Amino acid sequence: MLTRLRLVFCVLMATSGLAFATVDVNKGDLAALTDIKGIGPTKAKRIIDERSKGGNFKSWADFESRVPGVGEKSASRMSQSGLILNGKPKGVAESNKKK
């Protein structure tokens, strides 16, 4: 019984890393963006349309202000689910700017 529990635990740990992929908001295509929890096809299209129209997002604040339906809280949730901007999650990108 203990061996089976260990096996189940190992399988869960191994597959949990596969489920959490990071996607840069300035590079991701429609399919990659929709893999992020909180981003459906409509929001992914808005992100891509705004990125095409106004260029790459320069900061999380820029992203939040330019994409309809994305605010500070939803951007934080998306970041926790694997969305990054210029290689950094939301909290890291902002703390580096303050230094």
N, C-alpha and C. Protein backbone atom coordinates (compact mmCIF):
# COMPACT_ATOMS: atom_id res chain seq x y z
N MET A 1 0.83 -1.19 0.00
CA MET A 1 0.00 0.00 0.00
C MET A 1 0.87 1.25 0.00
N LEU A 2 1.88 1.29 0.84
CA LEU A 2 2.77 2.44 0.90
C LEU A 2 3.51 2.63 -0.42
N THR A 3 3.88 1.56 -1.06
CA THR A 3 4.57 1.63 -2.34
C THR A 3 3.67 2.25 -3.40
N ARG A 4 2.40 1.89 -3.39
CA ARG A 4 1.45 2.46 -4.35
C ARG A 4 1.28 3.96 -4.11
N LEU A 5 1.21 4.36 -2.86
CA LEU A 5 1.07 5.78 -2.54
C LEU A 5 2.30 6.56 -3.02
N ARG A 6 3.46 5.99 -2.82
CA ARG A 6 4.69 6.64 -3.29
C ARG A 6 4.68 6.77 -4.81
N LEU A 7 4.24 5.73 -5.48
CA LEU A 7 4.18 5.75 -6.93
C LEU A 7 3.22 6.82 -7.42
N VAL A 8 2.05 6.89 -6.81
CA VAL A 8 1.06 7.91 -7.18
C VAL A 8 1.63 9.31 -6.93
N PHE A 9 2.27 9.50 -5.81
CA PHE A 9 2.86 10.79 -5.49
C PHE A 9 3.93 11.17 -6.51
N CYS A 10 4.78 10.24 -6.89
CA CYS A 10 5.84 10.51 -7.87
C CYS A 10 5.25 10.87 -9.23
N VAL A 11 4.22 10.17 -9.64
CA VAL A 11 3.57 10.45 -10.92
C VAL A 11 2.95 11.84 -10.89
N LEU A 12 2.28 12.18 -9.81
CA LEU A 12 1.67 13.51 -9.68
C LEU A 12 2.72 14.61 -9.72
N MET A 13 3.82 14.41 -9.03
CA MET A 13 4.88 15.41 -9.01
C MET A 13 5.51 15.57 -10.40
N ALA A 14 5.67 14.47 -11.09
CA ALA A 14 6.29 14.52 -12.42
C ALA A 14 5.39 15.22 -13.43
N THR A 15 4.09 14.98 -13.36
CA THR A 15 3.17 15.58 -14.32
C THR A 15 2.77 17.00 -13.94
N SER A 16 2.92 17.39 -12.69
CA SER A 16 2.54 18.76 -12.31
C SER A 16 3.45 19.78 -12.97
N GLY A 17 4.69 19.46 -13.19
CA GLY A 17 5.60 20.37 -13.86
C GLY A 17 5.25 20.56 -15.33
N LEU A 18 4.68 19.55 -15.94
CA LEU A 18 4.30 19.64 -17.34
C LEU A 18 3.08 20.54 -17.54
N ALA A 19 2.23 20.61 -16.55
CA ALA A 19 0.99 21.38 -16.68
C ALA A 19 1.24 22.87 -16.52
N PHE A 20 2.37 23.27 -15.99
CA PHE A 20 2.63 24.68 -15.73
C PHE A 20 3.69 25.18 -16.71
N ALA A 21 3.21 25.71 -17.83
CA ALA A 21 4.12 26.25 -18.83
C ALA A 21 4.10 27.77 -18.75
N THR A 22 5.20 28.40 -19.09
CA THR A 22 5.24 29.86 -19.12
C THR A 22 5.10 30.34 -20.55
N VAL A 23 4.42 31.45 -20.71
CA VAL A 23 4.21 32.06 -22.02
C VAL A 23 4.47 33.55 -21.87
N ASP A 24 5.33 34.09 -22.72
CA ASP A 24 5.58 35.53 -22.71
C ASP A 24 4.48 36.21 -23.50
N VAL A 25 3.85 37.21 -22.90
CA VAL A 25 2.72 37.90 -23.51
C VAL A 25 3.14 38.59 -24.81
N ASN A 26 4.41 38.92 -24.96
CA ASN A 26 4.88 39.57 -26.18
C ASN A 26 5.27 38.60 -27.28
N LYS A 27 5.29 37.31 -26.98
CA LYS A 27 5.72 36.32 -27.96
C LYS A 27 4.68 35.24 -28.24
N GLY A 28 3.76 35.02 -27.30
CA GLY A 28 2.83 33.90 -27.42
C GLY A 28 1.81 34.07 -28.53
N ASP A 29 1.53 32.96 -29.21
CA ASP A 29 0.47 32.97 -30.21
C ASP A 29 -0.86 32.60 -29.54
N LEU A 30 -1.91 32.53 -30.33
CA LEU A 30 -3.25 32.27 -29.79
C LEU A 30 -3.30 30.98 -28.99
N ALA A 31 -2.72 29.92 -29.51
CA ALA A 31 -2.74 28.63 -28.83
C ALA A 31 -1.98 28.67 -27.51
N ALA A 32 -0.83 29.29 -27.51
CA ALA A 32 -0.01 29.36 -26.29
C ALA A 32 -0.71 30.20 -25.23
N LEU A 33 -1.27 31.33 -25.63
CA LEU A 33 -1.94 32.20 -24.66
C LEU A 33 -3.17 31.54 -24.05
N THR A 34 -3.93 30.79 -24.85
CA THR A 34 -5.12 30.13 -24.31
C THR A 34 -4.77 28.98 -23.37
N ASP A 35 -3.52 28.54 -23.36
CA ASP A 35 -3.10 27.51 -22.41
C ASP A 35 -2.96 28.07 -20.99
N ILE A 36 -2.92 29.39 -20.86
CA ILE A 36 -2.80 30.03 -19.55
C ILE A 36 -4.18 30.12 -18.92
N LYS A 37 -4.28 29.69 -17.67
CA LYS A 37 -5.55 29.76 -16.95
C LYS A 37 -5.98 31.22 -16.85
N GLY A 38 -7.22 31.50 -17.22
CA GLY A 38 -7.75 32.86 -17.17
C GLY A 38 -7.73 33.56 -18.52
N ILE A 39 -7.12 32.93 -19.52
CA ILE A 39 -7.10 33.49 -20.87
C ILE A 39 -7.83 32.52 -21.80
N GLY A 40 -8.97 32.96 -22.28
CA GLY A 40 -9.72 32.19 -23.26
C GLY A 40 -9.41 32.71 -24.65
N PRO A 41 -10.07 32.15 -25.65
CA PRO A 41 -9.81 32.58 -27.03
C PRO A 41 -10.08 34.07 -27.27
N THR A 42 -11.13 34.61 -26.66
CA THR A 42 -11.47 36.02 -26.86
C THR A 42 -10.41 36.93 -26.27
N LYS A 43 -9.99 36.65 -25.05
CA LYS A 43 -8.97 37.48 -24.40
C LYS A 43 -7.63 37.33 -25.12
N ALA A 44 -7.31 36.13 -25.55
CA ALA A 44 -6.05 35.92 -26.28
C ALA A 44 -6.05 36.73 -27.58
N LYS A 45 -7.19 36.78 -28.27
CA LYS A 45 -7.29 37.57 -29.49
C LYS A 45 -7.13 39.05 -29.18
N ARG A 46 -7.72 39.52 -28.09
CA ARG A 46 -7.55 40.93 -27.69
C ARG A 46 -6.07 41.25 -27.43
N ILE A 47 -5.39 40.34 -26.76
CA ILE A 47 -3.96 40.55 -26.46
C ILE A 47 -3.16 40.65 -27.75
N ILE A 48 -3.39 39.71 -28.65
CA ILE A 48 -2.65 39.69 -29.92
C ILE A 48 -2.99 40.91 -30.77
N ASP A 49 -4.27 41.28 -30.82
CA ASP A 49 -4.67 42.45 -31.60
C ASP A 49 -4.01 43.72 -31.06
N GLU A 50 -4.00 43.88 -29.74
CA GLU A 50 -3.39 45.07 -29.14
C GLU A 50 -1.88 45.08 -29.34
N ARG A 51 -1.28 43.92 -29.24
CA ARG A 51 0.17 43.81 -29.45
C ARG A 51 0.52 44.15 -30.90
N SER A 52 -0.32 43.73 -31.85
CA SER A 52 -0.10 44.03 -33.26
C SER A 52 -0.29 45.52 -33.53
N LYS A 53 -1.27 46.11 -32.90
CA LYS A 53 -1.61 47.52 -33.12
C LYS A 53 -0.60 48.47 -32.44
N GLY A 54 -0.27 48.19 -31.19
CA GLY A 54 0.55 49.13 -30.41
C GLY A 54 1.96 48.68 -30.12
N GLY A 55 2.36 47.54 -30.64
CA GLY A 55 3.70 47.02 -30.37
C GLY A 55 3.75 46.22 -29.08
N ASN A 56 4.92 45.74 -28.75
CA ASN A 56 5.09 44.93 -27.54
C ASN A 56 4.71 45.71 -26.29
N PHE A 57 4.25 44.97 -25.31
CA PHE A 57 3.93 45.58 -24.01
C PHE A 57 5.23 45.86 -23.28
N LYS A 58 5.35 47.05 -22.74
CA LYS A 58 6.60 47.46 -22.09
C LYS A 58 6.63 47.12 -20.60
N SER A 59 5.46 47.03 -19.99
CA SER A 59 5.38 46.73 -18.56
C SER A 59 4.02 46.10 -18.29
N TRP A 60 3.88 45.59 -17.06
CA TRP A 60 2.59 45.03 -16.67
C TRP A 60 1.51 46.11 -16.66
N ALA A 61 1.86 47.31 -16.24
CA ALA A 61 0.89 48.41 -16.24
C ALA A 61 0.45 48.74 -17.66
N ASP A 62 1.38 48.72 -18.60
CA ASP A 62 1.08 48.95 -20.01
C ASP A 62 0.12 47.87 -20.51
N PHE A 63 0.40 46.63 -20.19
CA PHE A 63 -0.45 45.50 -20.57
C PHE A 63 -1.86 45.67 -20.01
N GLU A 64 -1.95 46.00 -18.73
CA GLU A 64 -3.25 46.15 -18.06
C GLU A 64 -4.06 47.31 -18.65
N SER A 65 -3.40 48.37 -19.03
CA SER A 65 -4.13 49.53 -19.55
C SER A 65 -4.55 49.37 -21.01
N ARG A 66 -3.82 48.58 -21.76
CA ARG A 66 -4.10 48.46 -23.20
C ARG A 66 -5.05 47.34 -23.56
N VAL A 67 -5.13 46.29 -22.76
CA VAL A 67 -5.97 45.14 -23.13
C VAL A 67 -7.31 45.23 -22.39
N PRO A 68 -8.40 45.39 -23.14
CA PRO A 68 -9.72 45.45 -22.50
C PRO A 68 -10.02 44.17 -21.72
N GLY A 69 -10.53 44.33 -20.53
CA GLY A 69 -10.88 43.18 -19.70
C GLY A 69 -9.75 42.66 -18.83
N VAL A 70 -8.61 43.32 -18.88
CA VAL A 70 -7.47 42.91 -18.04
C VAL A 70 -7.16 44.04 -17.07
N GLY A 71 -7.25 43.72 -15.79
CA GLY A 71 -6.90 44.66 -14.75
C GLY A 71 -5.76 44.12 -13.92
N GLU A 72 -5.46 44.80 -12.84
CA GLU A 72 -4.33 44.40 -12.00
C GLU A 72 -4.53 43.00 -11.40
N LYS A 73 -5.74 42.73 -10.91
CA LYS A 73 -6.00 41.42 -10.28
C LYS A 73 -5.96 40.30 -11.30
N SER A 74 -6.60 40.50 -12.45
CA SER A 74 -6.59 39.41 -13.44
C SER A 74 -5.19 39.21 -14.01
N ALA A 75 -4.42 40.27 -14.17
CA ALA A 75 -3.04 40.13 -14.64
C ALA A 75 -2.21 39.35 -13.62
N SER A 76 -2.43 39.60 -12.34
CA SER A 76 -1.71 38.86 -11.30
C SER A 76 -2.06 37.37 -11.35
N ARG A 77 -3.34 37.07 -11.52
CA ARG A 77 -3.76 35.66 -11.61
C ARG A 77 -3.15 34.99 -12.84
N MET A 78 -3.17 35.70 -13.97
CA MET A 78 -2.58 35.13 -15.19
C MET A 78 -1.08 34.89 -15.00
N SER A 79 -0.43 35.83 -14.34
CA SER A 79 1.01 35.68 -14.08
C SER A 79 1.29 34.48 -13.20
N GLN A 80 0.46 34.28 -12.19
CA GLN A 80 0.62 33.11 -11.31
C GLN A 80 0.38 31.81 -12.07
N SER A 81 -0.39 31.89 -13.16
CA SER A 81 -0.66 30.70 -13.97
C SER A 81 0.37 30.48 -15.06
N GLY A 82 1.37 31.38 -15.16
CA GLY A 82 2.45 31.15 -16.12
C GLY A 82 2.66 32.25 -17.14
N LEU A 83 1.84 33.30 -17.15
CA LEU A 83 2.05 34.40 -18.09
C LEU A 83 3.21 35.26 -17.59
N ILE A 84 4.13 35.55 -18.49
CA ILE A 84 5.26 36.41 -18.15
C ILE A 84 5.31 37.57 -19.14
N LEU A 85 6.02 38.61 -18.77
CA LEU A 85 6.19 39.77 -19.65
C LEU A 85 7.67 40.11 -19.65
N ASN A 86 8.26 40.09 -20.83
CA ASN A 86 9.71 40.31 -20.98
C ASN A 86 10.52 39.36 -20.09
N GLY A 87 10.06 38.13 -20.00
CA GLY A 87 10.79 37.10 -19.27
C GLY A 87 10.55 37.06 -17.77
N LYS A 88 9.65 37.92 -17.25
CA LYS A 88 9.45 37.97 -15.80
C LYS A 88 7.98 37.93 -15.43
N PRO A 89 7.66 37.25 -14.32
CA PRO A 89 6.28 37.29 -13.81
C PRO A 89 5.96 38.68 -13.26
N LYS A 90 4.71 38.93 -12.99
CA LYS A 90 4.25 40.26 -12.60
C LYS A 90 5.00 40.86 -11.43
N GLY A 91 5.13 40.21 -10.33
CA GLY A 91 5.80 40.78 -9.17
C GLY A 91 7.26 41.07 -9.38
N VAL A 92 7.96 40.22 -10.09
CA VAL A 92 9.40 40.38 -10.33
C VAL A 92 9.65 41.58 -11.24
N ALA A 93 8.85 41.70 -12.28
CA ALA A 93 9.04 42.80 -13.23
C ALA A 93 8.86 44.15 -12.56
N GLU A 94 7.89 44.25 -11.66
CA GLU A 94 7.63 45.51 -10.99
C GLU A 94 8.66 45.82 -9.93
N SER A 95 9.14 44.81 -9.21
CA SER A 95 10.12 45.08 -8.15
C SER A 95 11.45 45.50 -8.74
N ASN A 96 11.80 44.99 -9.93
CA ASN A 96 13.05 45.39 -10.57
C ASN A 96 13.01 46.84 -11.04
N LYS A 97 11.84 47.34 -11.41
CA LYS A 97 11.70 48.71 -11.85
C LYS A 97 11.94 49.69 -10.70
N LYS A 98 11.58 49.30 -9.49
CA LYS A 98 11.67 50.19 -8.34
C LYS A 98 13.10 50.36 -7.87
N LYS A 99 13.99 49.43 -8.19
CA LYS A 99 15.38 49.46 -7.68
C LYS A 99 16.20 50.52 -8.35
